[in-house]
């Protein structure tokens, strides 16, 4: 299993990529897409409006939410 800090850095890189070009979010797997949308505080990036914020949090589960919170707090940009 990948180390938590590696996964956090990966999420930060994904979020930074989406900030540069928001259409990139559509290329991400569902959990990463939801996590990045939450990290960026942009629920409009959820797939086709299929999720509310609470539904996204419930779908992601505790580990992913914790990871997203850590990624949100991480220094940007990640090298």
PDB file of N, CA and C in Angstrom:
ATOM      1  N   UNK A   1       0.841  -1.195   0.000  1.00  0.00           N
ATOM      2  CA  UNK A   1       0.000   0.000   0.000  1.00  0.00           C
ATOM      3  C   UNK A   1       0.882   1.253   0.000  1.00  0.00           C
ATOM      4  N   UNK A   2       0.461   2.238  -0.730  1.00  0.00           N
ATOM      5  CA  UNK A   2       1.205   3.475  -0.844  1.00  0.00           C
ATOM      6  C   UNK A   2       1.167   4.246   0.465  1.00  0.00           C
ATOM      7  N   UNK A   3       2.290   4.859   0.793  1.00  0.00           N
ATOM      8  CA  UNK A   3       2.387   5.679   1.991  1.00  0.00           C
ATOM      9  C   UNK A   3       1.398   6.841   1.911  1.00  0.00           C
ATOM     10  N   UNK A   4       0.808   7.189   3.066  1.00  0.00           N
ATOM     11  CA  UNK A   4      -0.201   8.248   3.128  1.00  0.00           C
ATOM     12  C   UNK A   4       0.339   9.568   2.583  1.00  0.00           C
ATOM     13  N   UNK A   5       1.579   9.904   2.883  1.00  0.00           N
ATOM     14  CA  UNK A   5       2.118  11.177   2.396  1.00  0.00           C
ATOM     15  C   UNK A   5       2.283  11.162   0.880  1.00  0.00           C
ATOM     16  N   UNK A   6       2.628  10.017   0.297  1.00  0.00           N
ATOM     17  CA  UNK A   6       2.714   9.902  -1.162  1.00  0.00           C
ATOM     18  C   UNK A   6       1.340  10.101  -1.789  1.00  0.00           C
ATOM     19  N   UNK A   7       0.329   9.509  -1.197  1.00  0.00           N
ATOM     20  CA  UNK A   7      -1.034   9.651  -1.707  1.00  0.00           C
ATOM     21  C   UNK A   7      -1.503  11.101  -1.563  1.00  0.00           C
ATOM     22  N   UNK A   8      -1.146  11.732  -0.452  1.00  0.00           N
ATOM     23  CA  UNK A   8      -1.504  13.135  -0.262  1.00  0.00           C
ATOM     24  C   UNK A   8      -0.842  13.996  -1.321  1.00  0.00           C
ATOM     25  N   UNK A   9       0.428  13.788  -1.571  1.00  0.00           N
ATOM     26  CA  UNK A   9       1.141  14.567  -2.586  1.00  0.00           C
ATOM     27  C   UNK A   9       0.543  14.336  -3.970  1.00  0.00           C
ATOM     28  N   UNK A  10       0.139  13.118  -4.239  1.00  0.00           N
ATOM     29  CA  UNK A  10      -0.496  12.822  -5.525  1.00  0.00           C
ATOM     30  C   UNK A  10      -1.801  13.615  -5.667  1.00  0.00           C
ATOM     31  N   UNK A  11      -2.593  13.650  -4.607  1.00  0.00           N
ATOM     32  CA  UNK A  11      -3.832  14.432  -4.642  1.00  0.00           C
ATOM     33  C   UNK A  11      -3.555  15.921  -4.831  1.00  0.00           C
ATOM     34  N   UNK A  12      -2.524  16.429  -4.189  1.00  0.00           N
ATOM     35  CA  UNK A  12      -2.173  17.840  -4.339  1.00  0.00           C
ATOM     36  C   UNK A  12      -1.781  18.120  -5.785  1.00  0.00           C
ATOM     37  N   UNK A  13      -0.995  17.224  -6.376  1.00  0.00           N
ATOM     38  CA  UNK A  13      -0.616  17.402  -7.785  1.00  0.00           C
ATOM     39  C   UNK A  13      -1.843  17.366  -8.693  1.00  0.00           C
ATOM     40  N   UNK A  14      -2.770  16.452  -8.407  1.00  0.00           N
ATOM     41  CA  UNK A  14      -4.006  16.384  -9.194  1.00  0.00           C
ATOM     42  C   UNK A  14      -4.792  17.684  -9.067  1.00  0.00           C
ATOM     43  N   UNK A  15      -4.906  18.176  -7.850  1.00  0.00           N
ATOM     44  CA  UNK A  15      -5.649  19.417  -7.619  1.00  0.00           C
ATOM     45  C   UNK A  15      -4.987  20.584  -8.346  1.00  0.00           C
ATOM     46  N   UNK A  16      -3.664  20.654  -8.290  1.00  0.00           N
ATOM     47  CA  UNK A  16      -2.945  21.732  -8.980  1.00  0.00           C
ATOM     48  C   UNK A  16      -3.165  21.635 -10.485  1.00  0.00           C
ATOM     49  N   UNK A  17      -3.197  20.428 -11.006  1.00  0.00           N
ATOM     50  CA  UNK A  17      -3.439  20.221 -12.430  1.00  0.00           C
ATOM     51  C   UNK A  17      -4.838  20.694 -12.828  1.00  0.00           C
ATOM     52  N   UNK A  18      -5.808  20.429 -11.967  1.00  0.00           N
ATOM     53  CA  UNK A  18      -7.187  20.850 -12.236  1.00  0.00           C
ATOM     54  C   UNK A  18      -7.323  22.364 -12.128  1.00  0.00           C
ATOM     55  N   UNK A  19      -6.556  22.986 -11.232  1.00  0.00           N
ATOM     56  CA  UNK A  19      -6.570  24.448 -11.143  1.00  0.00           C
ATOM     57  C   UNK A  19      -6.085  25.043 -12.465  1.00  0.00           C
ATOM     58  N   UNK A  20      -5.068  24.428 -13.053  1.00  0.00           N
ATOM     59  CA  UNK A  20      -4.538  24.906 -14.333  1.00  0.00           C
ATOM     60  C   UNK A  20      -5.537  24.736 -15.470  1.00  0.00           C
ATOM     61  N   UNK A  21      -6.259  23.608 -15.460  1.00  0.00           N
ATOM     62  CA  UNK A  21      -7.222  23.312 -16.535  1.00  0.00           C
ATOM     63  C   UNK A  21      -8.337  22.450 -15.946  1.00  0.00           C
ATOM     64  N   UNK A  22      -9.471  23.070 -15.651  1.00  0.00           N
ATOM     65  CA  UNK A  22     -10.539  22.386 -14.927  1.00  0.00           C
ATOM     66  C   UNK A  22     -11.091  21.165 -15.655  1.00  0.00           C
ATOM     67  N   UNK A  23     -10.986  21.114 -16.970  1.00  0.00           N
ATOM     68  CA  UNK A  23     -11.504  19.946 -17.694  1.00  0.00           C
ATOM     69  C   UNK A  23     -10.716  18.672 -17.393  1.00  0.00           C
ATOM     70  N   UNK A  24      -9.527  18.804 -16.835  1.00  0.00           N
ATOM     71  CA  UNK A  24      -8.725  17.627 -16.474  1.00  0.00           C
ATOM     72  C   UNK A  24      -9.407  16.769 -15.411  1.00  0.00           C
ATOM     73  N   UNK A  25     -10.292  17.360 -14.635  1.00  0.00           N
ATOM     74  CA  UNK A  25     -10.967  16.601 -13.582  1.00  0.00           C
ATOM     75  C   UNK A  25     -11.722  15.420 -14.163  1.00  0.00           C
ATOM     76  N   UNK A  26     -12.202  15.547 -15.383  1.00  0.00           N
ATOM     77  CA  UNK A  26     -12.976  14.478 -16.018  1.00  0.00           C
ATOM     78  C   UNK A  26     -12.131  13.248 -16.311  1.00  0.00           C
ATOM     79  N   UNK A  27     -10.824  13.384 -16.280  1.00  0.00           N
ATOM     80  CA  UNK A  27      -9.920  12.264 -16.545  1.00  0.00           C
ATOM     81  C   UNK A  27      -9.624  11.439 -15.295  1.00  0.00           C
ATOM     82  N   UNK A  28      -9.988  11.966 -14.136  1.00  0.00           N
ATOM     83  CA  UNK A  28      -9.667  11.302 -12.875  1.00  0.00           C
ATOM     84  C   UNK A  28     -10.677  10.217 -12.530  1.00  0.00           C
ATOM     85  N   UNK A  29     -10.210   9.151 -11.866  1.00  0.00           N
ATOM     86  CA  UNK A  29     -11.145   8.160 -11.326  1.00  0.00           C
ATOM     87  C   UNK A  29     -12.084   8.834 -10.315  1.00  0.00           C
ATOM     88  N   UNK A  30     -13.228   8.233 -10.075  1.00  0.00           N
ATOM     89  CA  UNK A  30     -14.282   8.860  -9.276  1.00  0.00           C
ATOM     90  C   UNK A  30     -13.811   9.321  -7.897  1.00  0.00           C
ATOM     91  N   UNK A  31     -13.139   8.479  -7.141  1.00  0.00           N
ATOM     92  CA  UNK A  31     -12.729   8.897  -5.785  1.00  0.00           C
ATOM     93  C   UNK A  31     -11.764  10.075  -5.842  1.00  0.00           C
ATOM     94  N   UNK A  32     -10.805  10.032  -6.757  1.00  0.00           N
ATOM     95  CA  UNK A  32      -9.872  11.141  -6.892  1.00  0.00           C
ATOM     96  C   UNK A  32     -10.605  12.397  -7.338  1.00  0.00           C
ATOM     97  N   UNK A  33     -11.559  12.236  -8.238  1.00  0.00           N
ATOM     98  CA  UNK A  33     -12.321  13.397  -8.723  1.00  0.00           C
ATOM     99  C   UNK A  33     -13.090  14.070  -7.589  1.00  0.00           C
ATOM    100  N   UNK A  34     -13.760  13.268  -6.779  1.00  0.00           N
ATOM    101  CA  UNK A  34     -14.499  13.816  -5.648  1.00  0.00           C
ATOM    102  C   UNK A  34     -13.554  14.463  -4.639  1.00  0.00           C
ATOM    103  N   UNK A  35     -12.446  13.792  -4.346  1.00  0.00           N
ATOM    104  CA  UNK A  35     -11.484  14.339  -3.377  1.00  0.00           C
ATOM    105  C   UNK A  35     -10.916  15.669  -3.867  1.00  0.00           C
ATOM    106  N   UNK A  36     -10.544  15.745  -5.142  1.00  0.00           N
ATOM    107  CA  UNK A  36      -9.993  16.986  -5.691  1.00  0.00           C
ATOM    108  C   UNK A  36     -11.037  18.091  -5.661  1.00  0.00           C
ATOM    109  N   UNK A  37     -12.262  17.787  -6.015  1.00  0.00           N
ATOM    110  CA  UNK A  37     -13.328  18.797  -5.965  1.00  0.00           C
ATOM    111  C   UNK A  37     -13.501  19.327  -4.545  1.00  0.00           C
ATOM    112  N   UNK A  38     -13.415  18.437  -3.553  1.00  0.00           N
ATOM    113  CA  UNK A  38     -13.526  18.871  -2.157  1.00  0.00           C
ATOM    114  C   UNK A  38     -12.309  19.689  -1.732  1.00  0.00           C
ATOM    115  N   UNK A  39     -11.114  19.251  -2.122  1.00  0.00           N
ATOM    116  CA  UNK A  39      -9.889  19.978  -1.787  1.00  0.00           C
ATOM    117  C   UNK A  39      -9.969  21.404  -2.322  1.00  0.00           C
ATOM    118  N   UNK A  40     -10.476  21.544  -3.540  1.00  0.00           N
ATOM    119  CA  UNK A  40     -10.568  22.856  -4.176  1.00  0.00           C
ATOM    120  C   UNK A  40     -11.824  23.619  -3.790  1.00  0.00           C
ATOM    121  N   UNK A  41     -12.681  22.984  -2.980  1.00  0.00           N
ATOM    122  CA  UNK A  41     -13.948  23.591  -2.568  1.00  0.00           C
ATOM    123  C   UNK A  41     -14.790  23.984  -3.789  1.00  0.00           C
ATOM    124  N   UNK A  42     -14.874  23.041  -4.736  1.00  0.00           N
ATOM    125  CA  UNK A  42     -15.591  23.288  -5.979  1.00  0.00           C
ATOM    126  C   UNK A  42     -16.544  22.127  -6.283  1.00  0.00           C
ATOM    127  N   UNK A  43     -17.657  22.046  -5.553  1.00  0.00           N
ATOM    128  CA  UNK A  43     -18.588  20.935  -5.782  1.00  0.00           C
ATOM    129  C   UNK A  43     -19.150  20.907  -7.199  1.00  0.00           C
ATOM    130  N   UNK A  44     -19.053  22.004  -7.930  1.00  0.00           N
ATOM    131  CA  UNK A  44     -19.511  21.987  -9.312  1.00  0.00           C
ATOM    132  C   UNK A  44     -18.653  21.054 -10.171  1.00  0.00           C
ATOM    133  N   UNK A  45     -17.520  20.612  -9.649  1.00  0.00           N
ATOM    134  CA  UNK A  45     -16.674  19.668 -10.364  1.00  0.00           C
ATOM    135  C   UNK A  45     -17.073  18.211 -10.122  1.00  0.00           C
ATOM    136  N   UNK A  46     -18.034  17.990  -9.245  1.00  0.00           N
ATOM    137  CA  UNK A  46     -18.534  16.629  -9.057  1.00  0.00           C
ATOM    138  C   UNK A  46     -19.101  16.138 -10.386  1.00  0.00           C
ATOM    139  N   UNK A  47     -19.083  14.820 -10.617  1.00  0.00           N
ATOM    140  CA  UNK A  47     -19.590  14.288 -11.880  1.00  0.00           C
ATOM    141  C   UNK A  47     -21.059  14.618 -12.103  1.00  0.00           C
ATOM    142  N   UNK A  48     -21.342  15.333 -13.173  1.00  0.00           N
ATOM    143  CA  UNK A  48     -22.703  15.587 -13.644  1.00  0.00           C
ATOM    144  C   UNK A  48     -23.689  15.988 -12.548  1.00  0.00           C
ATOM    145  N   UNK A  49     -23.224  16.598 -11.469  1.00  0.00           N
ATOM    146  CA  UNK A  49     -24.114  17.001 -10.393  1.00  0.00           C
ATOM    147  C   UNK A  49     -24.730  15.837  -9.649  1.00  0.00           C
ATOM    148  N   UNK A  50     -24.096  14.662  -9.734  1.00  0.00           N
ATOM    149  CA  UNK A  50     -24.642  13.453  -9.124  1.00  0.00           C
ATOM    150  C   UNK A  50     -24.422  13.361  -7.616  1.00  0.00           C
ATOM    151  N   UNK A  51     -23.618  14.238  -7.063  1.00  0.00           N
ATOM    152  CA  UNK A  51     -23.285  14.163  -5.646  1.00  0.00           C
ATOM    153  C   UNK A  51     -23.536  15.507  -4.974  1.00  0.00           C
ATOM    154  N   UNK A  52     -24.038  15.443  -3.747  1.00  0.00           N
ATOM    155  CA  UNK A  52     -23.990  16.608  -2.875  1.00  0.00           C
ATOM    156  C   UNK A  52     -22.671  16.505  -2.113  1.00  0.00           C
ATOM    157  N   UNK A  53     -22.326  17.534  -1.386  1.00  0.00           N
ATOM    158  CA  UNK A  53     -21.090  17.483  -0.603  1.00  0.00           C
ATOM    159  C   UNK A  53     -21.147  16.336   0.401  1.00  0.00           C
ATOM    160  N   UNK A  54     -22.259  16.205   1.093  1.00  0.00           N
ATOM    161  CA  UNK A  54     -22.381  15.127   2.085  1.00  0.00           C
ATOM    162  C   UNK A  54     -22.347  13.749   1.436  1.00  0.00           C
ATOM    163  N   UNK A  55     -22.943  13.602   0.285  1.00  0.00           N
ATOM    164  CA  UNK A  55     -22.896  12.319  -0.429  1.00  0.00           C
ATOM    165  C   UNK A  55     -21.462  11.992  -0.850  1.00  0.00           C
ATOM    166  N   UNK A  56     -20.730  13.001  -1.284  1.00  0.00           N
ATOM    167  CA  UNK A  56     -19.335  12.792  -1.670  1.00  0.00           C
ATOM    168  C   UNK A  56     -18.501  12.353  -0.467  1.00  0.00           C
ATOM    169  N   UNK A  57     -18.697  13.010   0.661  1.00  0.00           N
ATOM    170  CA  UNK A  57     -17.973  12.647   1.881  1.00  0.00           C
ATOM    171  C   UNK A  57     -18.309  11.218   2.298  1.00  0.00           C
ATOM    172  N   UNK A  58     -19.578  10.870   2.265  1.00  0.00           N
ATOM    173  CA  UNK A  58     -19.997   9.514   2.634  1.00  0.00           C
ATOM    174  C   UNK A  58     -19.409   8.488   1.665  1.00  0.00           C
ATOM    175  N   UNK A  59     -19.412   8.792   0.372  1.00  0.00           N
ATOM    176  CA  UNK A  59     -18.879   7.874  -0.629  1.00  0.00           C
ATOM    177  C   UNK A  59     -17.376   7.668  -0.445  1.00  0.00           C
ATOM    178  N   UNK A  60     -16.651   8.756  -0.152  1.00  0.00           N
ATOM    179  CA  UNK A  60     -15.203   8.661   0.000  1.00  0.00           C
ATOM    180  C   UNK A  60     -14.797   7.876   1.238  1.00  0.00           C
ATOM    181  N   UNK A  61     -15.525   8.047   2.316  1.00  0.00           N
ATOM    182  CA  UNK A  61     -15.173   7.360   3.553  1.00  0.00           C
ATOM    183  C   UNK A  61     -14.102   8.098   4.340  1.00  0.00           C
ATOM    184  N   UNK A  62     -13.907   7.652   5.549  1.00  0.00           N
ATOM    185  CA  UNK A  62     -13.044   8.343   6.504  1.00  0.00           C
ATOM    186  C   UNK A  62     -11.603   8.501   6.021  1.00  0.00           C
ATOM    187  N   UNK A  63     -11.008   7.447   5.473  1.00  0.00           N
ATOM    188  CA  UNK A  63      -9.605   7.516   5.067  1.00  0.00           C
ATOM    189  C   UNK A  63      -9.384   8.537   3.947  1.00  0.00           C
ATOM    190  N   UNK A  64     -10.262   8.515   2.944  1.00  0.00           N
ATOM    191  CA  UNK A  64     -10.128   9.454   1.829  1.00  0.00           C
ATOM    192  C   UNK A  64     -10.394  10.890   2.274  1.00  0.00           C
ATOM    193  N   UNK A  65     -11.352  11.085   3.143  1.00  0.00           N
ATOM    194  CA  UNK A  65     -11.647  12.436   3.635  1.00  0.00           C
ATOM    195  C   UNK A  65     -10.451  12.965   4.419  1.00  0.00           C
ATOM    196  N   UNK A  66      -9.874  12.124   5.256  1.00  0.00           N
ATOM    197  CA  UNK A  66      -8.686  12.523   6.010  1.00  0.00           C
ATOM    198  C   UNK A  66      -7.554  12.890   5.052  1.00  0.00           C
ATOM    199  N   UNK A  67      -7.370  12.102   4.024  1.00  0.00           N
ATOM    200  CA  UNK A  67      -6.346  12.362   3.022  1.00  0.00           C
ATOM    201  C   UNK A  67      -6.606  13.693   2.306  1.00  0.00           C
ATOM    202  N   UNK A  68      -7.843  13.955   1.960  1.00  0.00           N
ATOM    203  CA  UNK A  68      -8.206  15.208   1.291  1.00  0.00           C
ATOM    204  C   UNK A  68      -7.952  16.406   2.201  1.00  0.00           C
ATOM    205  N   UNK A  69      -8.273  16.270   3.474  1.00  0.00           N
ATOM    206  CA  UNK A  69      -8.025  17.357   4.429  1.00  0.00           C
ATOM    207  C   UNK A  69      -6.528  17.632   4.521  1.00  0.00           C
ATOM    208  N   UNK A  70      -5.725  16.579   4.592  1.00  0.00           N
ATOM    209  CA  UNK A  70      -4.267  16.751   4.642  1.00  0.00           C
ATOM    210  C   UNK A  70      -3.754  17.401   3.362  1.00  0.00           C
ATOM    211  N   UNK A  71      -4.292  16.991   2.218  1.00  0.00           N
ATOM    212  CA  UNK A  71      -3.875  17.577   0.943  1.00  0.00           C
ATOM    213  C   UNK A  71      -4.240  19.049   0.872  1.00  0.00           C
ATOM    214  N   UNK A  72      -5.402  19.402   1.396  1.00  0.00           N
ATOM    215  CA  UNK A  72      -5.821  20.805   1.393  1.00  0.00           C
ATOM    216  C   UNK A  72      -4.869  21.672   2.215  1.00  0.00           C
ATOM    217  N   UNK A  73      -4.335  21.098   3.288  1.00  0.00           N
ATOM    218  CA  UNK A  73      -3.436  21.834   4.177  1.00  0.00           C
ATOM    219  C   UNK A  73      -1.984  21.814   3.698  1.00  0.00           C
ATOM    220  N   UNK A  74      -1.669  20.939   2.742  1.00  0.00           N
ATOM    221  CA  UNK A  74      -0.282  20.770   2.284  1.00  0.00           C
ATOM    222  C   UNK A  74       0.194  22.026   1.555  1.00  0.00           C
ATOM    223  N   UNK A  75       1.489  22.296   1.649  1.00  0.00           N
ATOM    224  CA  UNK A  75       2.029  23.441   0.907  1.00  0.00           C
ATOM    225  C   UNK A  75       1.967  23.199  -0.594  1.00  0.00           C
ATOM    226  N   UNK A  76       1.634  24.245  -1.320  1.00  0.00           N
ATOM    227  CA  UNK A  76       1.562  24.166  -2.781  1.00  0.00           C
ATOM    228  C   UNK A  76       2.663  25.043  -3.337  1.00  0.00           C
ATOM    229  N   UNK A  77       3.280  24.764  -4.425  1.00  0.00           N
ATOM    230  CA  UNK A  77       3.132  23.547  -5.224  1.00  0.00           C
ATOM    231  C   UNK A  77       3.987  22.426  -4.677  1.00  0.00           C
ATOM    232  N   UNK A  78       3.580  21.212  -4.961  1.00  0.00           N
ATOM    233  CA  UNK A  78       4.368  20.029  -4.613  1.00  0.00           C
ATOM    234  C   UNK A  78       5.334  19.783  -5.766  1.00  0.00           C
ATOM    235  N   UNK A  79       6.574  19.559  -5.451  1.00  0.00           N
ATOM    236  CA  UNK A  79       7.578  19.321  -6.511  1.00  0.00           C
ATOM    237  C   UNK A  79       7.798  17.849  -6.708  1.00  0.00           C
TER     238      UNK A  79
END
